[in-house]
Every structure is written in structure tokens, then in C-alpha cells.
Amino acid sequence: MADYDNTHRAFLQVFLSRGTLTYETAKPILASILTASEPDRETQPNDITSELFSDYITSMNTAISPFDFEIRSTLPQAPYPSTTDSTTTLPNERVYALVNTTSDPITQLATSHSPDEIAFLKRLLDAMFETYNTRNAEILALTSLQALAHSRGPNTSSSTQSDAPGAPTASLTKAEAERCLESLVAEGWLDLSKKSYYRLSARALMELRTWLVETYNTGGGDGESEDEDEDEDRVERVRFCHGCREIVIVGQRCVDLDCGVRMHDFCARNVLRAAGGKRCPACKKGWSGEVLVGEKAAQRRASGAVNGRRSSGAVTNGVRNDEEDE
């Protein structure tokens, strides 16, 4: 459909109100829009083909591109329940979101969140990509308790200066932090797992991609390198999948912790099947599928700590480890 008309405008409004859509969730919505446009010719959800859906996305992107907006898509990290309805997004079902292509996404949040809430979000991101993203455990997620522990700004819990009248603290009460977390989930910036772990949503990863790399990768690291010894000054906390080249915050990593290969679970299956064997595509060591990225890395680390009390060293992420994480 080459012409941009009111049906495209209505569909674009859906993206604005819902944040994210998949092809399956979009089918009944677009069918209703087309039926409203032509009441004498009812459109059923099954009439919405993938080609028609793609045509609408292309036409809308052409129309909104001059305004620095774009509808982008990515595969979800894992099957989390949708933050906008009761459906569950499957791992192989692409997620589409309307994103701003130029402005700082963190600044965009300032239109609906207070400065203290923005500071809280930045502390959450620092915790995800720095504190809980170490060589031995790339968790990249926070439990509810860990998230709430960052409600207060630095040095506000014990510093007497922070108690001075009018002193800026950039802090939230526990109740305010809980409401902020609920809001970030409802707005589609964070996902909350069944085990109460917060992590960035598919929409957030699309919108924050450039900002995350610029903020957390230093020394020229772009997250794409798979050779850890290439540059000692390079720090890459944001990693990209060997298969799809999207950010990995849930998935698998090479058994060699000095190897830079990371893959989503579904990408690992495809890459290893195509390669005809379970070997790392970079260092060629055996690929166990048991060295994990995401909240399961935290669970494995916890179980390793228990097992470590019965042995001479701790076991984390399926490998022996004699050094402690931060």
C-alpha cells in the first residue's frame, strides 16, 4: 500500500499508545482500522498478511522519517509476558516499536518522569551493566530488592551533608521507587520476570542501543569484537549476539570466559546447527550451552556458592572460579 492515508495515521497512533506490537497482536488491530475505514467490506485478522503489515511499516517509516522517528524491530531476549496486555511474546516473534532516532532517550523520559526518577533509572542501568555484569556472572538484571536498594542517591544514607536543608539528594522513598518501577514496566521500558527480576525490554534495547554502547563500552569497544585480547584498554559491557548482531542480555556465552562470543538461546541453536557441531564460532572450544547470560547466571552463581562451601573453590556459570565477583 503505497499511499499514506488515515489508516496509516490510526495505526501509528496505536504504536504511540501501546509502545510495542508484534505481527500477531497487530493483526486484529489493523483489521479493525481497515474495517472502520471501509464498513461495507469487513476485514478479518487473517486477512492481514505479513506482506501487508510490512507495507504499512514501510509507508509509516517513510512518513515519519523527516521527524526523526522510526519503527524498528528486534527479537525479544526471552518469552516474557507483554507489558501492555495479557499475551506472551514468543522468542522468535519480532517486536516492533516506535523509537526516536536522534534525541537522548534518557532525556525523552524527562517529559513524563521527575529528575529524581531519571537519576534512579540511571542508577538502575549502572547496576545492570556494571555492578551485576562481571567477568564471572553477566546477570544484567536486578531483583526487586536490588532495584529498590538504588532508590537513594550516592552518600545519602549516611552523609550528614545530605540532611542539610535544601541539599539535592536525587533520591526516592521506597514507595516512590516502587511506583517508578511499576511505571517503567507499564511504559514498556523494563520487563519484570516471573522471578521478579527487572531487565531492559526489547523496546528499551532498540531505543537505548547507541546510548548504552557509548556509556558502558570504553576504549573503542563497540560490543562486536569477539577477541578479548585485542586491546587491553577496551571495556565492553554491552555485548552483541554472534548470530543476529543485536544486544544480548539473556542467552549464552562461550565456556572460555576470555572469549567474547555471546548468543541468544534461539540464535545459538541456529548458529550451532548450521556449523554442524557444538563449538564456539570464534575460539572453537566446546559450546556447552550452560554458561549463561541473564538472571539464570545469578541463580547458577548462587547455587555455585552453596556448592563451593563443599569444595575448595566456588563454581560459577559452570566453570571453576577462585575469585569473587563484586
C-alpha atoms as a PDB file:
ATOM      1  CA  MET A   1       0.000   0.000   0.000  1.00  0.00           C
ATOM      2  CA  ALA A   2       1.943   2.989  -1.323  1.00  0.00           C
ATOM      3  CA  ASP A   3      -0.400   5.825  -0.319  1.00  0.00           C
ATOM      4  CA  TYR A   4      -0.217   7.152   3.223  1.00  0.00           C
ATOM      5  CA  ASP A   5      -3.777   7.649   4.422  1.00  0.00           C
ATOM      6  CA  ASN A   6      -5.883   7.786   7.575  1.00  0.00           C
ATOM      7  CA  THR A   7      -5.486   4.056   8.183  1.00  0.00           C
ATOM      8  CA  HIS A   8      -1.728   4.579   8.475  1.00  0.00           C
ATOM      9  CA  ARG A   9      -2.267   7.514  10.832  1.00  0.00           C
ATOM     10  CA  ALA A  10      -4.591   5.437  13.003  1.00  0.00           C
ATOM     11  CA  PHE A  11      -2.117   2.553  13.081  1.00  0.00           C
ATOM     12  CA  LEU A  12       0.676   4.951  14.021  1.00  0.00           C
ATOM     13  CA  GLN A  13      -1.446   6.177  16.935  1.00  0.00           C
ATOM     14  CA  VAL A  14      -1.621   2.579  18.139  1.00  0.00           C
ATOM     15  CA  PHE A  15       2.178   2.467  18.283  1.00  0.00           C
ATOM     16  CA  LEU A  16       2.182   5.729  20.210  1.00  0.00           C
ATOM     17  CA  SER A  17      -0.308   4.457  22.775  1.00  0.00           C
ATOM     18  CA  ARG A  18       0.871   0.852  23.167  1.00  0.00           C
ATOM     19  CA  GLY A  19       4.628   1.242  22.831  1.00  0.00           C
ATOM     20  CA  THR A  20       5.261  -2.131  21.181  1.00  0.00           C
ATOM     21  CA  LEU A  21       3.444  -4.534  18.868  1.00  0.00           C
ATOM     22  CA  THR A  22       4.111  -7.895  17.281  1.00  0.00           C
ATOM     23  CA  TYR A  23       2.706  -9.056  13.971  1.00  0.00           C
ATOM     24  CA  GLU A  24       0.189 -11.288  15.761  1.00  0.00           C
ATOM     25  CA  THR A  25      -1.012  -8.565  18.152  1.00  0.00           C
ATOM     26  CA  ALA A  26      -1.168  -6.069  15.270  1.00  0.00           C
ATOM     27  CA  LYS A  27      -3.381  -8.212  13.008  1.00  0.00           C
ATOM     28  CA  PRO A  28      -6.730  -7.680  14.809  1.00  0.00           C
ATOM     29  CA  ILE A  29      -5.916  -4.006  15.391  1.00  0.00           C
ATOM     30  CA  LEU A  30      -5.102  -3.291  11.760  1.00  0.00           C
ATOM     31  CA  ALA A  31      -8.131  -5.334  10.681  1.00  0.00           C
ATOM     32  CA  SER A  32     -10.374  -3.149  12.861  1.00  0.00           C
ATOM     33  CA  ILE A  33      -8.824   0.004  11.406  1.00  0.00           C
ATOM     34  CA  LEU A  34      -9.404  -1.182   7.839  1.00  0.00           C
ATOM     35  CA  THR A  35     -12.976  -2.224   8.661  1.00  0.00           C
ATOM     36  CA  ALA A  36     -13.671   1.205  10.161  1.00  0.00           C
ATOM     37  CA  SER A  37     -12.261   2.776   7.010  1.00  0.00           C
ATOM     38  CA  GLU A  38     -14.465   0.606   4.760  1.00  0.00           C
ATOM     39  CA  PRO A  39     -17.505  -0.558   6.802  1.00  0.00           C
ATOM     40  CA  ASP A  40     -19.049  -2.289   3.789  1.00  0.00           C
ATOM     41  CA  ARG A  41     -16.004  -4.533   3.464  1.00  0.00           C
ATOM     42  CA  GLU A  42     -15.176  -6.179   6.785  1.00  0.00           C
ATOM     43  CA  THR A  43     -11.534  -7.118   7.229  1.00  0.00           C
ATOM     44  CA  GLN A  44     -10.722 -10.179   9.320  1.00  0.00           C
ATOM     45  CA  PRO A  45      -7.446 -10.550  11.273  1.00  0.00           C
ATOM     46  CA  ASN A  46      -6.445 -13.434   8.999  1.00  0.00           C
ATOM     47  CA  ASP A  47      -6.726 -11.051   6.049  1.00  0.00           C
ATOM     48  CA  ILE A  48      -3.724  -9.143   7.397  1.00  0.00           C
ATOM     49  CA  THR A  49      -0.804 -10.831   5.682  1.00  0.00           C
ATOM     50  CA  SER A  50       2.808 -10.326   6.677  1.00  0.00           C
ATOM     51  CA  GLU A  51       3.323  -8.527   3.352  1.00  0.00           C
ATOM     52  CA  LEU A  52       0.501  -6.071   4.093  1.00  0.00           C
ATOM     53  CA  PHE A  53       1.841  -5.500   7.603  1.00  0.00           C
ATOM     54  CA  SER A  54       5.339  -4.849   6.225  1.00  0.00           C
ATOM     55  CA  ASP A  55       3.909  -2.433   3.645  1.00  0.00           C
ATOM     56  CA  TYR A  56       2.263  -0.446   6.432  1.00  0.00           C
ATOM     57  CA  ILE A  57       5.500  -0.325   8.436  1.00  0.00           C
ATOM     58  CA  THR A  58       7.429   0.842   5.360  1.00  0.00           C
ATOM     59  CA  SER A  59       4.878   3.542   4.485  1.00  0.00           C
ATOM     60  CA  MET A  60       4.748   4.821   8.064  1.00  0.00           C
ATOM     61  CA  ASN A  61       8.546   4.917   8.299  1.00  0.00           C
ATOM     62  CA  THR A  62       8.702   6.952   5.097  1.00  0.00           C
ATOM     63  CA  ALA A  63       6.208   9.428   6.545  1.00  0.00           C
ATOM     64  CA  ILE A  64       7.808   9.811   9.995  1.00  0.00           C
ATOM     65  CA  SER A  65      11.465   9.709   8.955  1.00  0.00           C
ATOM     66  CA  PRO A  66      11.716  13.527   8.469  1.00  0.00           C
ATOM     67  CA  PHE A  67      10.644  13.901  12.111  1.00  0.00           C
ATOM     68  CA  ASP A  68      13.471  11.639  13.360  1.00  0.00           C
ATOM     69  CA  PHE A  69      11.196   8.725  14.229  1.00  0.00           C
ATOM     70  CA  GLU A  70      11.335   5.158  13.009  1.00  0.00           C
ATOM     71  CA  ILE A  71       9.508   1.907  13.659  1.00  0.00           C
ATOM     72  CA  ARG A  72      12.220  -0.633  14.421  1.00  0.00           C
ATOM     73  CA  SER A  73      12.028  -4.318  15.212  1.00  0.00           C
ATOM     74  CA  THR A  74      14.018  -6.866  17.169  1.00  0.00           C
ATOM     75  CA  LEU A  75      13.619 -10.350  18.552  1.00  0.00           C
ATOM     76  CA  PRO A  76      12.828 -10.489  22.291  1.00  0.00           C
ATOM     77  CA  GLN A  77      15.534 -11.784  24.613  1.00  0.00           C
ATOM     78  CA  ALA A  78      13.190 -14.421  26.087  1.00  0.00           C
ATOM     79  CA  PRO A  79       9.439 -15.166  26.342  1.00  0.00           C
ATOM     80  CA  TYR A  80       8.398 -12.574  28.909  1.00  0.00           C
ATOM     81  CA  PRO A  81       4.728 -11.617  29.370  1.00  0.00           C
ATOM     82  CA  SER A  82       3.855  -8.469  27.455  1.00  0.00           C
ATOM     83  CA  THR A  83       3.872  -5.269  29.495  1.00  0.00           C
ATOM     84  CA  THR A  84       0.860  -3.937  27.611  1.00  0.00           C
ATOM     85  CA  ASP A  85      -1.542  -6.870  27.564  1.00  0.00           C
ATOM     86  CA  SER A  86      -2.000 -10.424  28.786  1.00  0.00           C
ATOM     87  CA  THR A  87      -0.296 -12.112  25.839  1.00  0.00           C
ATOM     88  CA  THR A  88       3.138 -13.683  25.929  1.00  0.00           C
ATOM     89  CA  THR A  89       5.776 -12.748  23.377  1.00  0.00           C
ATOM     90  CA  LEU A  90       7.444 -15.807  21.878  1.00  0.00           C
ATOM     91  CA  PRO A  91      11.246 -15.804  21.499  1.00  0.00           C
ATOM     92  CA  ASN A  92      11.037 -15.933  17.687  1.00  0.00           C
ATOM     93  CA  GLU A  93       8.298 -13.296  17.313  1.00  0.00           C
ATOM     94  CA  ARG A  94       9.654  -9.899  16.315  1.00  0.00           C
ATOM     95  CA  VAL A  95       8.759  -6.902  18.459  1.00  0.00           C
ATOM     96  CA  TYR A  96       8.089  -3.573  16.707  1.00  0.00           C
ATOM     97  CA  ALA A  97       8.439  -0.219  18.446  1.00  0.00           C
ATOM     98  CA  LEU A  98       8.326   3.464  17.539  1.00  0.00           C
ATOM     99  CA  VAL A  99      11.672   4.997  18.504  1.00  0.00           C
ATOM    100  CA  ASN A 100      13.268   8.426  18.329  1.00  0.00           C
ATOM    101  CA  THR A 101      16.387   8.205  16.169  1.00  0.00           C
ATOM    102  CA  THR A 102      18.233  11.326  17.325  1.00  0.00           C
ATOM    103  CA  SER A 103      17.445  12.613  20.812  1.00  0.00           C
ATOM    104  CA  ASP A 104      18.867  11.123  24.010  1.00  0.00           C
ATOM    105  CA  PRO A 105      16.308   8.509  25.103  1.00  0.00           C
ATOM    106  CA  ILE A 106      17.028   9.261  28.746  1.00  0.00           C
ATOM    107  CA  THR A 107      16.153  12.894  28.084  1.00  0.00           C
ATOM    108  CA  GLN A 108      12.897  11.772  26.464  1.00  0.00           C
ATOM    109  CA  LEU A 109      11.850  10.191  29.746  1.00  0.00           C
ATOM    110  CA  ALA A 110      12.145  13.584  31.411  1.00  0.00           C
ATOM    111  CA  THR A 111       8.831  14.551  29.821  1.00  0.00           C
ATOM    112  CA  SER A 112       6.988  12.013  31.982  1.00  0.00           C
ATOM    113  CA  HIS A 113       9.338  11.462  34.937  1.00  0.00           C
ATOM    114  CA  SER A 114      10.865  13.725  37.569  1.00  0.00           C
ATOM    115  CA  PRO A 115      14.625  14.421  37.724  1.00  0.00           C
ATOM    116  CA  ASP A 116      14.888  12.151  40.775  1.00  0.00           C
ATOM    117  CA  GLU A 117      13.179   9.331  38.860  1.00  0.00           C
ATOM    118  CA  ILE A 118      15.556   9.804  35.911  1.00  0.00           C
ATOM    119  CA  ALA A 119      18.513   9.655  38.317  1.00  0.00           C
ATOM    120  CA  PHE A 120      17.022   6.465  39.799  1.00  0.00           C
ATOM    121  CA  LEU A 121      16.764   4.909  36.328  1.00  0.00           C
ATOM    122  CA  LYS A 122      20.386   5.780  35.576  1.00  0.00           C
ATOM    123  CA  ARG A 123      21.446   4.106  38.829  1.00  0.00           C
ATOM    124  CA  LEU A 124      19.491   1.015  37.781  1.00  0.00           C
ATOM    125  CA  LEU A 125      21.274   0.958  34.417  1.00  0.00           C
ATOM    126  CA  ASP A 126      24.663   1.377  36.113  1.00  0.00           C
ATOM    127  CA  ALA A 127      23.840  -1.559  38.366  1.00  0.00           C
ATOM    128  CA  MET A 128      22.684  -3.729  35.451  1.00  0.00           C
ATOM    129  CA  PHE A 129      25.649  -3.046  33.178  1.00  0.00           C
ATOM    130  CA  GLU A 130      28.401  -2.566  35.760  1.00  0.00           C
ATOM    131  CA  THR A 131      27.701  -3.999  39.228  1.00  0.00           C
ATOM    132  CA  TYR A 132      25.811  -7.090  38.072  1.00  0.00           C
ATOM    133  CA  ASN A 133      27.755  -7.591  34.854  1.00  0.00           C
ATOM    134  CA  THR A 134      31.118  -9.104  35.762  1.00  0.00           C
ATOM    135  CA  ARG A 135      33.536 -11.449  34.063  1.00  0.00           C
ATOM    136  CA  ASN A 136      32.183 -14.401  36.030  1.00  0.00           C
ATOM    137  CA  ALA A 137      28.483 -13.534  36.056  1.00  0.00           C
ATOM    138  CA  GLU A 138      26.841 -11.457  33.324  1.00  0.00           C
ATOM    139  CA  ILE A 139      23.461 -11.057  35.015  1.00  0.00           C
ATOM    140  CA  LEU A 140      22.395  -7.708  33.510  1.00  0.00           C
ATOM    141  CA  ALA A 141      19.237  -7.721  35.621  1.00  0.00           C
ATOM    142  CA  LEU A 142      18.166  -6.754  39.122  1.00  0.00           C
ATOM    143  CA  THR A 143      15.924  -8.389  41.678  1.00  0.00           C
ATOM    144  CA  SER A 144      13.200  -6.223  43.164  1.00  0.00           C
ATOM    145  CA  LEU A 145      15.237  -5.827  46.349  1.00  0.00           C
ATOM    146  CA  GLN A 146      18.364  -4.876  44.412  1.00  0.00           C
ATOM    147  CA  ALA A 147      16.433  -2.336  42.370  1.00  0.00           C
ATOM    148  CA  LEU A 148      14.869  -0.735  45.442  1.00  0.00           C
ATOM    149  CA  ALA A 149      18.292  -0.565  47.101  1.00  0.00           C
ATOM    150  CA  HIS A 150      19.213   2.018  44.441  1.00  0.00           C
ATOM    151  CA  SER A 151      16.328   4.322  45.327  1.00  0.00           C
ATOM    152  CA  ARG A 152      18.689   6.586  47.239  1.00  0.00           C
ATOM    153  CA  GLY A 153      21.406   8.591  45.580  1.00  0.00           C
ATOM    154  CA  PRO A 154      25.087   8.123  46.481  1.00  0.00           C
ATOM    155  CA  ASN A 155      26.118   9.078  50.018  1.00  0.00           C
ATOM    156  CA  THR A 156      22.588   9.981  51.069  1.00  0.00           C
ATOM    157  CA  SER A 157      22.112   7.182  53.586  1.00  0.00           C
ATOM    158  CA  SER A 158      24.899   8.207  55.948  1.00  0.00           C
ATOM    159  CA  SER A 159      26.170  11.602  54.856  1.00  0.00           C
ATOM    160  CA  THR A 160      25.292  14.394  57.251  1.00  0.00           C
ATOM    161  CA  GLN A 161      25.604  16.893  54.413  1.00  0.00           C
ATOM    162  CA  SER A 162      22.671  15.298  52.645  1.00  0.00           C
ATOM    163  CA  ASP A 163      20.478  16.150  55.608  1.00  0.00           C
ATOM    164  CA  ALA A 164      21.126  19.861  55.222  1.00  0.00           C
ATOM    165  CA  PRO A 165      18.044  21.894  54.274  1.00  0.00           C
ATOM    166  CA  GLY A 166      17.700  22.219  50.521  1.00  0.00           C
ATOM    167  CA  ALA A 167      20.534  19.788  49.734  1.00  0.00           C
ATOM    168  CA  PRO A 168      19.868  17.884  46.495  1.00  0.00           C
ATOM    169  CA  THR A 169      19.759  14.122  47.047  1.00  0.00           C
ATOM    170  CA  ALA A 170      18.299  12.743  43.783  1.00  0.00           C
ATOM    171  CA  SER A 171      16.673  10.102  45.954  1.00  0.00           C
ATOM    172  CA  LEU A 172      13.285   8.433  46.155  1.00  0.00           C
ATOM    173  CA  THR A 173      11.460   6.863  49.041  1.00  0.00           C
ATOM    174  CA  LYS A 174      10.843   3.132  48.810  1.00  0.00           C
ATOM    175  CA  ALA A 175       7.197   3.762  47.906  1.00  0.00           C
ATOM    176  CA  GLU A 176       8.204   6.273  45.212  1.00  0.00           C
ATOM    177  CA  ALA A 177      10.770   3.839  43.799  1.00  0.00           C
ATOM    178  CA  GLU A 178       8.169   1.056  43.679  1.00  0.00           C
ATOM    179  CA  ARG A 179       5.760   3.325  41.799  1.00  0.00           C
ATOM    180  CA  CYS A 180       8.536   4.378  39.412  1.00  0.00           C
ATOM    181  CA  LEU A 181       9.414   0.742  38.672  1.00  0.00           C
ATOM    182  CA  GLU A 182       5.753  -0.064  38.042  1.00  0.00           C
ATOM    183  CA  SER A 183       5.558   2.913  35.689  1.00  0.00           C
ATOM    184  CA  LEU A 184       8.698   1.899  33.772  1.00  0.00           C
ATOM    185  CA  VAL A 185       7.251  -1.591  33.286  1.00  0.00           C
ATOM    186  CA  ALA A 186       3.853  -0.230  32.222  1.00  0.00           C
ATOM    187  CA  GLU A 187       5.522   2.165  29.758  1.00  0.00           C
ATOM    188  CA  GLY A 188       7.493  -0.697  28.223  1.00  0.00           C
ATOM    189  CA  TRP A 189      10.998   0.345  29.317  1.00  0.00           C
ATOM    190  CA  LEU A 190      11.522  -2.549  31.726  1.00  0.00           C
ATOM    191  CA  ASP A 191      10.404  -6.170  31.780  1.00  0.00           C
ATOM    192  CA  LEU A 192       9.667  -7.987  35.038  1.00  0.00           C
ATOM    193  CA  SER A 193      10.205 -11.742  35.070  1.00  0.00           C
ATOM    194  CA  LYS A 194       8.220 -14.330  37.000  1.00  0.00           C
ATOM    195  CA  LYS A 195      11.100 -14.494  39.476  1.00  0.00           C
ATOM    196  CA  SER A 196      10.929 -10.719  39.995  1.00  0.00           C
ATOM    197  CA  TYR A 197      13.996  -9.710  38.005  1.00  0.00           C
ATOM    198  CA  TYR A 198      13.960  -6.370  36.200  1.00  0.00           C
ATOM    199  CA  ARG A 199      15.759  -6.056  32.876  1.00  0.00           C
ATOM    200  CA  LEU A 200      15.581  -3.773  29.855  1.00  0.00           C
ATOM    201  CA  SER A 201      12.713  -4.510  27.485  1.00  0.00           C
ATOM    202  CA  ALA A 202      13.013  -5.118  23.752  1.00  0.00           C
ATOM    203  CA  ARG A 203      11.789  -1.577  23.151  1.00  0.00           C
ATOM    204  CA  ALA A 204      14.370  -0.110  25.543  1.00  0.00           C
ATOM    205  CA  LEU A 205      17.192  -2.057  23.892  1.00  0.00           C
ATOM    206  CA  MET A 206      16.171  -0.688  20.496  1.00  0.00           C
ATOM    207  CA  GLU A 207      15.831   2.875  21.736  1.00  0.00           C
ATOM    208  CA  LEU A 208      18.859   2.887  24.055  1.00  0.00           C
ATOM    209  CA  ARG A 209      21.241   0.876  21.864  1.00  0.00           C
ATOM    210  CA  THR A 210      23.572   3.710  20.836  1.00  0.00           C
ATOM    211  CA  TRP A 211      23.445   5.344  24.276  1.00  0.00           C
ATOM    212  CA  LEU A 212      24.262   2.074  26.055  1.00  0.00           C
ATOM    213  CA  VAL A 213      27.302   1.409  23.867  1.00  0.00           C
ATOM    214  CA  GLU A 214      28.585   4.968  24.260  1.00  0.00           C
ATOM    215  CA  THR A 215      28.024   4.902  28.030  1.00  0.00           C
ATOM    216  CA  TYR A 216      29.246   1.457  29.065  1.00  0.00           C
ATOM    217  CA  ASN A 217      31.779   0.467  26.375  1.00  0.00           C
ATOM    218  CA  THR A 218      35.089   2.302  26.637  1.00  0.00           C
ATOM    219  CA  GLY A 219      38.393   2.285  24.804  1.00  0.00           C
ATOM    220  CA  GLY A 220      36.717   1.960  21.426  1.00  0.00           C
ATOM    221  CA  GLY A 221      34.688  -1.097  22.361  1.00  0.00           C
ATOM    222  CA  ASP A 222      31.562  -1.450  20.262  1.00  0.00           C
ATOM    223  CA  GLY A 223      30.395  -4.795  21.664  1.00  0.00           C
ATOM    224  CA  GLU A 224      31.018  -6.519  18.329  1.00  0.00           C
ATOM    225  CA  SER A 225      34.557  -7.802  18.992  1.00  0.00           C
ATOM    226  CA  GLU A 226      34.976 -11.478  19.886  1.00  0.00           C
ATOM    227  CA  ASP A 227      38.711 -11.281  20.685  1.00  0.00           C
ATOM    228  CA  GLU A 228      39.169 -10.318  24.333  1.00  0.00           C
ATOM    229  CA  ASP A 229      42.943  -9.887  23.928  1.00  0.00           C
ATOM    230  CA  GLU A 230      42.651  -7.456  21.030  1.00  0.00           C
ATOM    231  CA  ASP A 231      43.004  -4.316  23.181  1.00  0.00           C
ATOM    232  CA  GLU A 232      43.686  -4.358  26.916  1.00  0.00           C
ATOM    233  CA  ASP A 233      42.238  -0.849  27.329  1.00  0.00           C
ATOM    234  CA  ARG A 234      38.919  -1.786  25.767  1.00  0.00           C
ATOM    235  CA  VAL A 235      35.980  -2.440  28.090  1.00  0.00           C
ATOM    236  CA  GLU A 236      32.840  -3.962  26.582  1.00  0.00           C
ATOM    237  CA  ARG A 237      29.938  -4.262  28.986  1.00  0.00           C
ATOM    238  CA  VAL A 238      27.341  -4.184  26.215  1.00  0.00           C
ATOM    239  CA  ARG A 239      27.686  -7.341  24.132  1.00  0.00           C
ATOM    240  CA  PHE A 240      26.184  -8.280  20.774  1.00  0.00           C
ATOM    241  CA  CYS A 241      24.958 -11.661  19.570  1.00  0.00           C
ATOM    242  CA  HIS A 242      27.221 -13.564  17.166  1.00  0.00           C
ATOM    243  CA  GLY A 243      24.118 -14.661  15.274  1.00  0.00           C
ATOM    244  CA  CYS A 244      21.782 -11.676  14.940  1.00  0.00           C
ATOM    245  CA  ARG A 245      24.129  -8.824  15.988  1.00  0.00           C
ATOM    246  CA  GLU A 246      21.620  -7.479  18.500  1.00  0.00           C
ATOM    247  CA  ILE A 247      22.393  -6.766  22.172  1.00  0.00           C
ATOM    248  CA  VAL A 248      22.478  -9.838  24.421  1.00  0.00           C
ATOM    249  CA  ILE A 249      21.162  -9.547  27.970  1.00  0.00           C
ATOM    250  CA  VAL A 250      19.702 -13.071  28.080  1.00  0.00           C
ATOM    251  CA  GLY A 251      21.412 -16.013  26.443  1.00  0.00           C
ATOM    252  CA  GLN A 252      24.646 -17.994  26.440  1.00  0.00           C
ATOM    253  CA  ARG A 253      28.382 -17.341  26.344  1.00  0.00           C
ATOM    254  CA  CYS A 254      31.495 -19.320  25.499  1.00  0.00           C
ATOM    255  CA  VAL A 255      32.883 -21.685  28.145  1.00  0.00           C
ATOM    256  CA  ASP A 256      36.132 -19.718  27.867  1.00  0.00           C
ATOM    257  CA  LEU A 257      35.391 -16.590  29.885  1.00  0.00           C
ATOM    258  CA  ASP A 258      38.130 -14.789  27.947  1.00  0.00           C
ATOM    259  CA  CYS A 259      36.267 -15.354  24.673  1.00  0.00           C
ATOM    260  CA  GLY A 260      33.922 -12.597  23.556  1.00  0.00           C
ATOM    261  CA  VAL A 261      31.221 -14.725  21.886  1.00  0.00           C
ATOM    262  CA  ARG A 262      27.665 -14.281  23.188  1.00  0.00           C
ATOM    263  CA  MET A 263      24.460 -15.594  21.635  1.00  0.00           C
ATOM    264  CA  HIS A 264      20.746 -15.544  22.350  1.00  0.00           C
ATOM    265  CA  ASP A 265      19.372 -19.018  23.063  1.00  0.00           C
ATOM    266  CA  PHE A 266      17.459 -19.189  19.774  1.00  0.00           C
ATOM    267  CA  CYS A 267      20.411 -17.795  17.810  1.00  0.00           C
ATOM    268  CA  ALA A 268      22.765 -20.338  19.401  1.00  0.00           C
ATOM    269  CA  ARG A 269      20.565 -23.181  18.194  1.00  0.00           C
ATOM    270  CA  ASN A 270      20.597 -21.827  14.638  1.00  0.00           C
ATOM    271  CA  VAL A 271      24.316 -20.999  14.557  1.00  0.00           C
ATOM    272  CA  LEU A 272      25.425 -24.328  16.025  1.00  0.00           C
ATOM    273  CA  ARG A 273      23.073 -26.293  13.776  1.00  0.00           C
ATOM    274  CA  ALA A 274      24.437 -24.512  10.698  1.00  0.00           C
ATOM    275  CA  ALA A 275      28.018 -25.124  11.861  1.00  0.00           C
ATOM    276  CA  GLY A 276      27.305 -28.822  12.284  1.00  0.00           C
ATOM    277  CA  GLY A 277      28.647 -29.060  15.827  1.00  0.00           C
ATOM    278  CA  LYS A 278      28.652 -27.542  19.277  1.00  0.00           C
ATOM    279  CA  ARG A 279      31.797 -25.444  19.090  1.00  0.00           C
ATOM    280  CA  CYS A 280      32.364 -21.757  19.691  1.00  0.00           C
ATOM    281  CA  PRO A 281      32.394 -19.994  16.307  1.00  0.00           C
ATOM    282  CA  ALA A 282      35.415 -17.933  17.401  1.00  0.00           C
ATOM    283  CA  CYS A 283      37.755 -19.941  19.649  1.00  0.00           C
ATOM    284  CA  LYS A 284      36.432 -23.382  18.556  1.00  0.00           C
ATOM    285  CA  LYS A 285      36.168 -24.689  22.112  1.00  0.00           C
ATOM    286  CA  GLY A 286      33.211 -26.878  23.009  1.00  0.00           C
ATOM    287  CA  TRP A 287      29.927 -24.984  23.412  1.00  0.00           C
ATOM    288  CA  SER A 288      28.102 -26.357  26.455  1.00  0.00           C
ATOM    289  CA  GLY A 289      25.084 -24.055  26.444  1.00  0.00           C
ATOM    290  CA  GLU A 290      25.374 -23.977  30.233  1.00  0.00           C
ATOM    291  CA  VAL A 291      27.408 -20.780  30.644  1.00  0.00           C
ATOM    292  CA  LEU A 292      24.549 -18.334  30.841  1.00  0.00           C
ATOM    293  CA  VAL A 293      23.822 -14.643  30.445  1.00  0.00           C
ATOM    294  CA  GLY A 294      20.914 -13.066  32.320  1.00  0.00           C
ATOM    295  CA  GLU A 295      19.094 -13.827  35.546  1.00  0.00           C
ATOM    296  CA  LYS A 296      19.923 -17.542  35.258  1.00  0.00           C
ATOM    297  CA  ALA A 297      23.578 -16.584  35.652  1.00  0.00           C
ATOM    298  CA  ALA A 298      22.659 -15.207  39.079  1.00  0.00           C
ATOM    299  CA  GLN A 299      20.841 -18.402  40.004  1.00  0.00           C
ATOM    300  CA  ARG A 300      23.790 -20.517  38.856  1.00  0.00           C
ATOM    301  CA  ARG A 301      26.174 -18.286  40.797  1.00  0.00           C
ATOM    302  CA  ALA A 302      24.045 -18.696  43.920  1.00  0.00           C
ATOM    303  CA  SER A 303      23.971 -22.480  43.579  1.00  0.00           C
ATOM    304  CA  GLY A 304      27.696 -22.424  42.869  1.00  0.00           C
ATOM    305  CA  ALA A 305      28.304 -20.536  46.099  1.00  0.00           C
ATOM    306  CA  VAL A 306      26.470 -23.250  48.023  1.00  0.00           C
ATOM    307  CA  ASN A 307      28.408 -25.997  46.266  1.00  0.00           C
ATOM    308  CA  GLY A 308      31.600 -24.053  46.786  1.00  0.00           C
ATOM    309  CA  ARG A 309      31.294 -24.469  50.544  1.00  0.00           C
ATOM    310  CA  ARG A 310      31.651 -28.201  49.965  1.00  0.00           C
ATOM    311  CA  SER A 311      34.727 -27.843  47.759  1.00  0.00           C
ATOM    312  CA  SER A 312      37.979 -25.898  47.608  1.00  0.00           C
ATOM    313  CA  GLY A 313      36.656 -23.323  45.155  1.00  0.00           C
ATOM    314  CA  ALA A 314      33.405 -21.721  44.019  1.00  0.00           C
ATOM    315  CA  VAL A 315      31.681 -22.800  40.853  1.00  0.00           C
ATOM    316  CA  THR A 316      30.038 -20.066  38.822  1.00  0.00           C
ATOM    317  CA  ASN A 317      28.484 -20.211  35.388  1.00  0.00           C
ATOM    318  CA  GLY A 318      29.555 -23.836  35.054  1.00  0.00           C
ATOM    319  CA  VAL A 319      33.293 -23.124  35.439  1.00  0.00           C
ATOM    320  CA  ARG A 320      35.601 -23.216  38.417  1.00  0.00           C
ATOM    321  CA  ASN A 321      36.379 -19.825  39.871  1.00  0.00           C
ATOM    322  CA  ASP A 322      38.682 -18.763  42.674  1.00  0.00           C
ATOM    323  CA  GLU A 323      37.965 -15.043  42.556  1.00  0.00           C
ATOM    324  CA  GLU A 324      34.905 -13.283  43.899  1.00  0.00           C
ATOM    325  CA  ASP A 325      32.572 -11.065  41.945  1.00  0.00           C
ATOM    326  CA  GLU A 326      31.892  -7.560  43.015  1.00  0.00           C
END
